[in-house]
Amino acid sequence: MSKFIQYLRDTRGELRHVSWPTQKQTIVFTALVIAISILTAIYLGVFDFFFTKGISLFI
């Protein structure tokens, strides 16, 4: 059990060295991820639509 407690202490010490993002950075990065996800979904949806129409015309 002492190894586990030492592990938790070491982990806590390492987390103090982490450079955490500010609230503004977190909001901006979250918005960026959402925007890129939406754009990717639209791109793939349009590609799928035209690919499906092309295949159905071919068959």
PDB file of N, CA and C in Angstrom:
ATOM      1  N   MET A   1       0.825  -1.196   0.000  1.00  0.00           N
ATOM      2  CA  MET A   1       0.000   0.000   0.000  1.00  0.00           C
ATOM      3  C   MET A   1       0.869   1.261   0.000  1.00  0.00           C
ATOM      4  N   SER A   2       2.063   1.169   0.571  1.00  0.00           N
ATOM      5  CA  SER A   2       2.914   2.352   0.633  1.00  0.00           C
ATOM      6  C   SER A   2       3.421   2.757  -0.752  1.00  0.00           C
ATOM      7  N   LYS A   3       3.567   1.786  -1.659  1.00  0.00           N
ATOM      8  CA  LYS A   3       3.982   2.118  -3.026  1.00  0.00           C
ATOM      9  C   LYS A   3       2.901   2.950  -3.715  1.00  0.00           C
ATOM     10  N   PHE A   4       1.654   2.600  -3.446  1.00  0.00           N
ATOM     11  CA  PHE A   4       0.544   3.346  -4.045  1.00  0.00           C
ATOM     12  C   PHE A   4       0.501   4.771  -3.502  1.00  0.00           C
ATOM     13  N   ILE A   5       0.684   4.924  -2.226  1.00  0.00           N
ATOM     14  CA  ILE A   5       0.688   6.266  -1.612  1.00  0.00           C
ATOM     15  C   ILE A   5       1.853   7.081  -2.161  1.00  0.00           C
ATOM     16  N   GLN A   6       3.021   6.458  -2.316  1.00  0.00           N
ATOM     17  CA  GLN A   6       4.171   7.160  -2.878  1.00  0.00           C
ATOM     18  C   GLN A   6       3.897   7.562  -4.326  1.00  0.00           C
ATOM     19  N   TYR A   7       3.232   6.683  -5.050  1.00  0.00           N
ATOM     20  CA  TYR A   7       2.854   6.999  -6.433  1.00  0.00           C
ATOM     21  C   TYR A   7       1.951   8.225  -6.475  1.00  0.00           C
ATOM     22  N   LEU A   8       0.964   8.278  -5.585  1.00  0.00           N
ATOM     23  CA  LEU A   8       0.061   9.434  -5.546  1.00  0.00           C
ATOM     24  C   LEU A   8       0.808  10.710  -5.199  1.00  0.00           C
ATOM     25  N   ARG A   9       1.750  10.632  -4.272  1.00  0.00           N
ATOM     26  CA  ARG A   9       2.554  11.811  -3.907  1.00  0.00           C
ATOM     27  C   ARG A   9       3.410  12.278  -5.079  1.00  0.00           C
ATOM     28  N   ASP A  10       4.026  11.317  -5.773  1.00  0.00           N
ATOM     29  CA  ASP A  10       4.847  11.662  -6.940  1.00  0.00           C
ATOM     30  C   ASP A  10       4.001  12.282  -8.042  1.00  0.00           C
ATOM     31  N   THR A  11       2.825  11.718  -8.255  1.00  0.00           N
ATOM     32  CA  THR A  11       1.919  12.250  -9.282  1.00  0.00           C
ATOM     33  C   THR A  11       1.504  13.668  -8.942  1.00  0.00           C
ATOM     34  N   ARG A  12       1.173  13.909  -7.688  1.00  0.00           N
ATOM     35  CA  ARG A  12       0.778  15.258  -7.255  1.00  0.00           C
ATOM     36  C   ARG A  12       1.925  16.248  -7.450  1.00  0.00           C
ATOM     37  N   GLY A  13       3.139  15.806  -7.153  1.00  0.00           N
ATOM     38  CA  GLY A  13       4.305  16.663  -7.350  1.00  0.00           C
ATOM     39  C   GLY A  13       4.539  16.992  -8.817  1.00  0.00           C
ATOM     40  N   GLU A  14       4.343  16.008  -9.681  1.00  0.00           N
ATOM     41  CA  GLU A  14       4.523  16.236 -11.122  1.00  0.00           C
ATOM     42  C   GLU A  14       3.455  17.174 -11.670  1.00  0.00           C
ATOM     43  N   LEU A  15       2.238  17.065 -11.158  1.00  0.00           N
ATOM     44  CA  LEU A  15       1.162  17.928 -11.634  1.00  0.00           C
ATOM     45  C   LEU A  15       1.406  19.395 -11.289  1.00  0.00           C
ATOM     46  N   ARG A  16       2.216  19.646 -10.274  1.00  0.00           N
ATOM     47  CA  ARG A  16       2.571  21.036  -9.938  1.00  0.00           C
ATOM     48  C   ARG A  16       3.480  21.655 -10.994  1.00  0.00           C
ATOM     49  N   HIS A  17       4.166  20.817 -11.765  1.00  0.00           N
ATOM     50  CA  HIS A  17       5.061  21.308 -12.810  1.00  0.00           C
ATOM     51  C   HIS A  17       4.347  21.560 -14.137  1.00  0.00           C
ATOM     52  N   VAL A  18       3.099  21.126 -14.233  1.00  0.00           N
ATOM     53  CA  VAL A  18       2.342  21.261 -15.476  1.00  0.00           C
ATOM     54  C   VAL A  18       1.962  22.719 -15.686  1.00  0.00           C
ATOM     55  N   SER A  19       2.108  23.171 -16.925  1.00  0.00           N
ATOM     56  CA  SER A  19       1.705  24.533 -17.283  1.00  0.00           C
ATOM     57  C   SER A  19       0.264  24.466 -17.793  1.00  0.00           C
ATOM     58  N   TRP A  20      -0.691  24.756 -16.921  1.00  0.00           N
ATOM     59  CA  TRP A  20      -2.095  24.651 -17.261  1.00  0.00           C
ATOM     60  C   TRP A  20      -2.530  25.842 -18.108  1.00  0.00           C
ATOM     61  N   PRO A  21      -3.420  25.649 -19.079  1.00  0.00           N
ATOM     62  CA  PRO A  21      -3.899  26.771 -19.897  1.00  0.00           C
ATOM     63  C   PRO A  21      -4.800  27.697 -19.085  1.00  0.00           C
ATOM     64  N   THR A  22      -4.856  28.943 -19.522  1.00  0.00           N
ATOM     65  CA  THR A  22      -5.745  29.895 -18.866  1.00  0.00           C
ATOM     66  C   THR A  22      -7.186  29.605 -19.283  1.00  0.00           C
ATOM     67  N   GLN A  23      -8.120  30.248 -18.608  1.00  0.00           N
ATOM     68  CA  GLN A  23      -9.531  30.037 -18.945  1.00  0.00           C
ATOM     69  C   GLN A  23      -9.807  30.516 -20.367  1.00  0.00           C
ATOM     70  N   LYS A  24      -9.194  31.631 -20.764  1.00  0.00           N
ATOM     71  CA  LYS A  24      -9.396  32.154 -22.119  1.00  0.00           C
ATOM     72  C   LYS A  24      -8.850  31.176 -23.158  1.00  0.00           C
ATOM     73  N   GLN A  25      -7.672  30.622 -22.910  1.00  0.00           N
ATOM     74  CA  GLN A  25      -7.093  29.654 -23.837  1.00  0.00           C
ATOM     75  C   GLN A  25      -7.977  28.413 -23.951  1.00  0.00           C
ATOM     76  N   THR A  26      -8.505  27.959 -22.832  1.00  0.00           N
ATOM     77  CA  THR A  26      -9.375  26.791 -22.838  1.00  0.00           C
ATOM     78  C   THR A  26     -10.623  27.035 -23.662  1.00  0.00           C
ATOM     79  N   ILE A  27     -11.217  28.213 -23.515  1.00  0.00           N
ATOM     80  CA  ILE A  27     -12.418  28.547 -24.284  1.00  0.00           C
ATOM     81  C   ILE A  27     -12.101  28.630 -25.771  1.00  0.00           C
ATOM     82  N   VAL A  28     -10.995  29.284 -26.113  1.00  0.00           N
ATOM     83  CA  VAL A  28     -10.614  29.423 -27.523  1.00  0.00           C
ATOM     84  C   VAL A  28     -10.318  28.060 -28.143  1.00  0.00           C
ATOM     85  N   PHE A  29      -9.557  27.235 -27.441  1.00  0.00           N
ATOM     86  CA  PHE A  29      -9.219  25.917 -27.978  1.00  0.00           C
ATOM     87  C   PHE A  29     -10.453  25.031 -28.105  1.00  0.00           C
ATOM     88  N   THR A  30     -11.367  25.119 -27.147  1.00  0.00           N
ATOM     89  CA  THR A  30     -12.600  24.344 -27.231  1.00  0.00           C
ATOM     90  C   THR A  30     -13.439  24.773 -28.423  1.00  0.00           C
ATOM     91  N   ALA A  31     -13.561  26.082 -28.623  1.00  0.00           N
ATOM     92  CA  ALA A  31     -14.309  26.591 -29.774  1.00  0.00           C
ATOM     93  C   ALA A  31     -13.650  26.156 -31.077  1.00  0.00           C
ATOM     94  N   LEU A  32     -12.332  26.171 -31.108  1.00  0.00           N
ATOM     95  CA  LEU A  32     -11.601  25.750 -32.306  1.00  0.00           C
ATOM     96  C   LEU A  32     -11.851  24.274 -32.606  1.00  0.00           C
ATOM     97  N   VAL A  33     -11.825  23.436 -31.602  1.00  0.00           N
ATOM     98  CA  VAL A  33     -12.078  22.002 -31.799  1.00  0.00           C
ATOM     99  C   VAL A  33     -13.507  21.777 -32.296  1.00  0.00           C
ATOM    100  N   ILE A  34     -14.470  22.490 -31.717  1.00  0.00           N
ATOM    101  CA  ILE A  34     -15.859  22.354 -32.150  1.00  0.00           C
ATOM    102  C   ILE A  34     -16.017  22.806 -33.593  1.00  0.00           C
ATOM    103  N   ALA A  35     -15.415  23.945 -33.949  1.00  0.00           N
ATOM    104  CA  ALA A  35     -15.520  24.465 -35.315  1.00  0.00           C
ATOM    105  C   ALA A  35     -14.892  23.505 -36.323  1.00  0.00           C
ATOM    106  N   ILE A  36     -13.717  22.994 -36.009  1.00  0.00           N
ATOM    107  CA  ILE A  36     -13.056  22.054 -36.928  1.00  0.00           C
ATOM    108  C   ILE A  36     -13.874  20.777 -37.056  1.00  0.00           C
ATOM    109  N   SER A  37     -14.463  20.311 -35.959  1.00  0.00           N
ATOM    110  CA  SER A  37     -15.294  19.105 -36.010  1.00  0.00           C
ATOM    111  C   SER A  37     -16.519  19.317 -36.887  1.00  0.00           C
ATOM    112  N   ILE A  38     -17.155  20.476 -36.756  1.00  0.00           N
ATOM    113  CA  ILE A  38     -18.328  20.773 -37.583  1.00  0.00           C
ATOM    114  C   ILE A  38     -17.938  20.880 -39.050  1.00  0.00           C
ATOM    115  N   LEU A  39     -16.848  21.574 -39.345  1.00  0.00           N
ATOM    116  CA  LEU A  39     -16.401  21.708 -40.740  1.00  0.00           C
ATOM    117  C   LEU A  39     -16.034  20.354 -41.334  1.00  0.00           C
ATOM    118  N   THR A  40     -15.396  19.509 -40.553  1.00  0.00           N
ATOM    119  CA  THR A  40     -15.053  18.169 -41.033  1.00  0.00           C
ATOM    120  C   THR A  40     -16.309  17.355 -41.302  1.00  0.00           C
ATOM    121  N   ALA A  41     -17.290  17.454 -40.415  1.00  0.00           N
ATOM    122  CA  ALA A  41     -18.547  16.728 -40.607  1.00  0.00           C
ATOM    123  C   ALA A  41     -19.263  17.206 -41.862  1.00  0.00           C
ATOM    124  N   ILE A  42     -19.279  18.523 -42.086  1.00  0.00           N
ATOM    125  CA  ILE A  42     -19.917  19.059 -43.298  1.00  0.00           C
ATOM    126  C   ILE A  42     -19.181  18.575 -44.542  1.00  0.00           C
ATOM    127  N   TYR A  43     -17.850  18.656 -44.526  1.00  0.00           N
ATOM    128  CA  TYR A  43     -17.051  18.220 -45.663  1.00  0.00           C
ATOM    129  C   TYR A  43     -17.319  16.746 -45.975  1.00  0.00           C
ATOM    130  N   LEU A  44     -17.273  15.905 -44.949  1.00  0.00           N
ATOM    131  CA  LEU A  44     -17.500  14.480 -45.177  1.00  0.00           C
ATOM    132  C   LEU A  44     -18.938  14.200 -45.599  1.00  0.00           C
ATOM    133  N   GLY A  45     -19.890  14.955 -45.047  1.00  0.00           N
ATOM    134  CA  GLY A  45     -21.291  14.788 -45.446  1.00  0.00           C
ATOM    135  C   GLY A  45     -21.514  15.134 -46.900  1.00  0.00           C
ATOM    136  N   VAL A  46     -20.920  16.234 -47.355  1.00  0.00           N
ATOM    137  CA  VAL A  46     -21.053  16.640 -48.766  1.00  0.00           C
ATOM    138  C   VAL A  46     -20.377  15.611 -49.661  1.00  0.00           C
ATOM    139  N   PHE A  47     -19.182  15.179 -49.283  1.00  0.00           N
ATOM    140  CA  PHE A  47     -18.472  14.170 -50.063  1.00  0.00           C
ATOM    141  C   PHE A  47     -19.290  12.884 -50.143  1.00  0.00           C
ATOM    142  N   ASP A  48     -19.848  12.451 -49.026  1.00  0.00           N
ATOM    143  CA  ASP A  48     -20.664  11.237 -48.998  1.00  0.00           C
ATOM    144  C   ASP A  48     -21.908  11.388 -49.868  1.00  0.00           C
ATOM    145  N   PHE A  49     -22.542  12.551 -49.809  1.00  0.00           N
ATOM    146  CA  PHE A  49     -23.747  12.793 -50.609  1.00  0.00           C
ATOM    147  C   PHE A  49     -23.441  12.657 -52.095  1.00  0.00           C
ATOM    148  N   PHE A  50     -22.398  13.347 -52.558  1.00  0.00           N
ATOM    149  CA  PHE A  50     -22.062  13.292 -53.983  1.00  0.00           C
ATOM    150  C   PHE A  50     -21.530  11.919 -54.390  1.00  0.00           C
ATOM    151  N   PHE A  51     -20.791  11.269 -53.515  1.00  0.00           N
ATOM    152  CA  PHE A  51     -20.304   9.937 -53.822  1.00  0.00           C
ATOM    153  C   PHE A  51     -21.471   8.961 -53.950  1.00  0.00           C
ATOM    154  N   THR A  52     -22.435   9.063 -53.034  1.00  0.00           N
ATOM    155  CA  THR A  52     -23.616   8.189 -53.093  1.00  0.00           C
ATOM    156  C   THR A  52     -24.431   8.457 -54.354  1.00  0.00           C
ATOM    157  N   LYS A  53     -24.619   9.731 -54.710  1.00  0.00           N
ATOM    158  CA  LYS A  53     -25.345  10.052 -55.938  1.00  0.00           C
ATOM    159  C   LYS A  53     -24.613   9.536 -57.164  1.00  0.00           C
ATOM    160  N   GLY A  54     -23.295   9.679 -57.172  1.00  0.00           N
ATOM    161  CA  GLY A  54     -22.493   9.172 -58.303  1.00  0.00           C
ATOM    162  C   GLY A  54     -22.574   7.683 -58.430  1.00  0.00           C
ATOM    163  N   ILE A  55     -22.516   6.966 -57.332  1.00  0.00           N
ATOM    164  CA  ILE A  55     -22.610   5.508 -57.372  1.00  0.00           C
ATOM    165  C   ILE A  55     -23.998   5.069 -57.841  1.00  0.00           C
ATOM    166  N   SER A  56     -25.040   5.754 -57.345  1.00  0.00           N
ATOM    167  CA  SER A  56     -26.402   5.376 -57.742  1.00  0.00           C
ATOM    168  C   SER A  56     -26.641   5.665 -59.224  1.00  0.00           C
ATOM    169  N   LEU A  57     -26.041   6.713 -59.779  1.00  0.00           N
ATOM    170  CA  LEU A  57     -26.159   6.983 -61.209  1.00  0.00           C
ATOM    171  C   LEU A  57     -25.394   5.962 -62.025  1.00  0.00           C
ATOM    172  N   PHE A  58     -24.268   5.523 -61.506  1.00  0.00           N
ATOM    173  CA  PHE A  58     -23.441   4.536 -62.189  1.00  0.00           C
ATOM    174  C   PHE A  58     -24.127   3.180 -62.213  1.00  0.00           C
ATOM    175  N   ILE A  59     -24.797   2.847 -61.142  1.00  0.00           N
ATOM    176  CA  ILE A  59     -25.464   1.537 -61.052  1.00  0.00           C
ATOM    177  C   ILE A  59     -26.828   1.699 -61.637  1.00  0.00           C
TER     178      ILE A  59
END
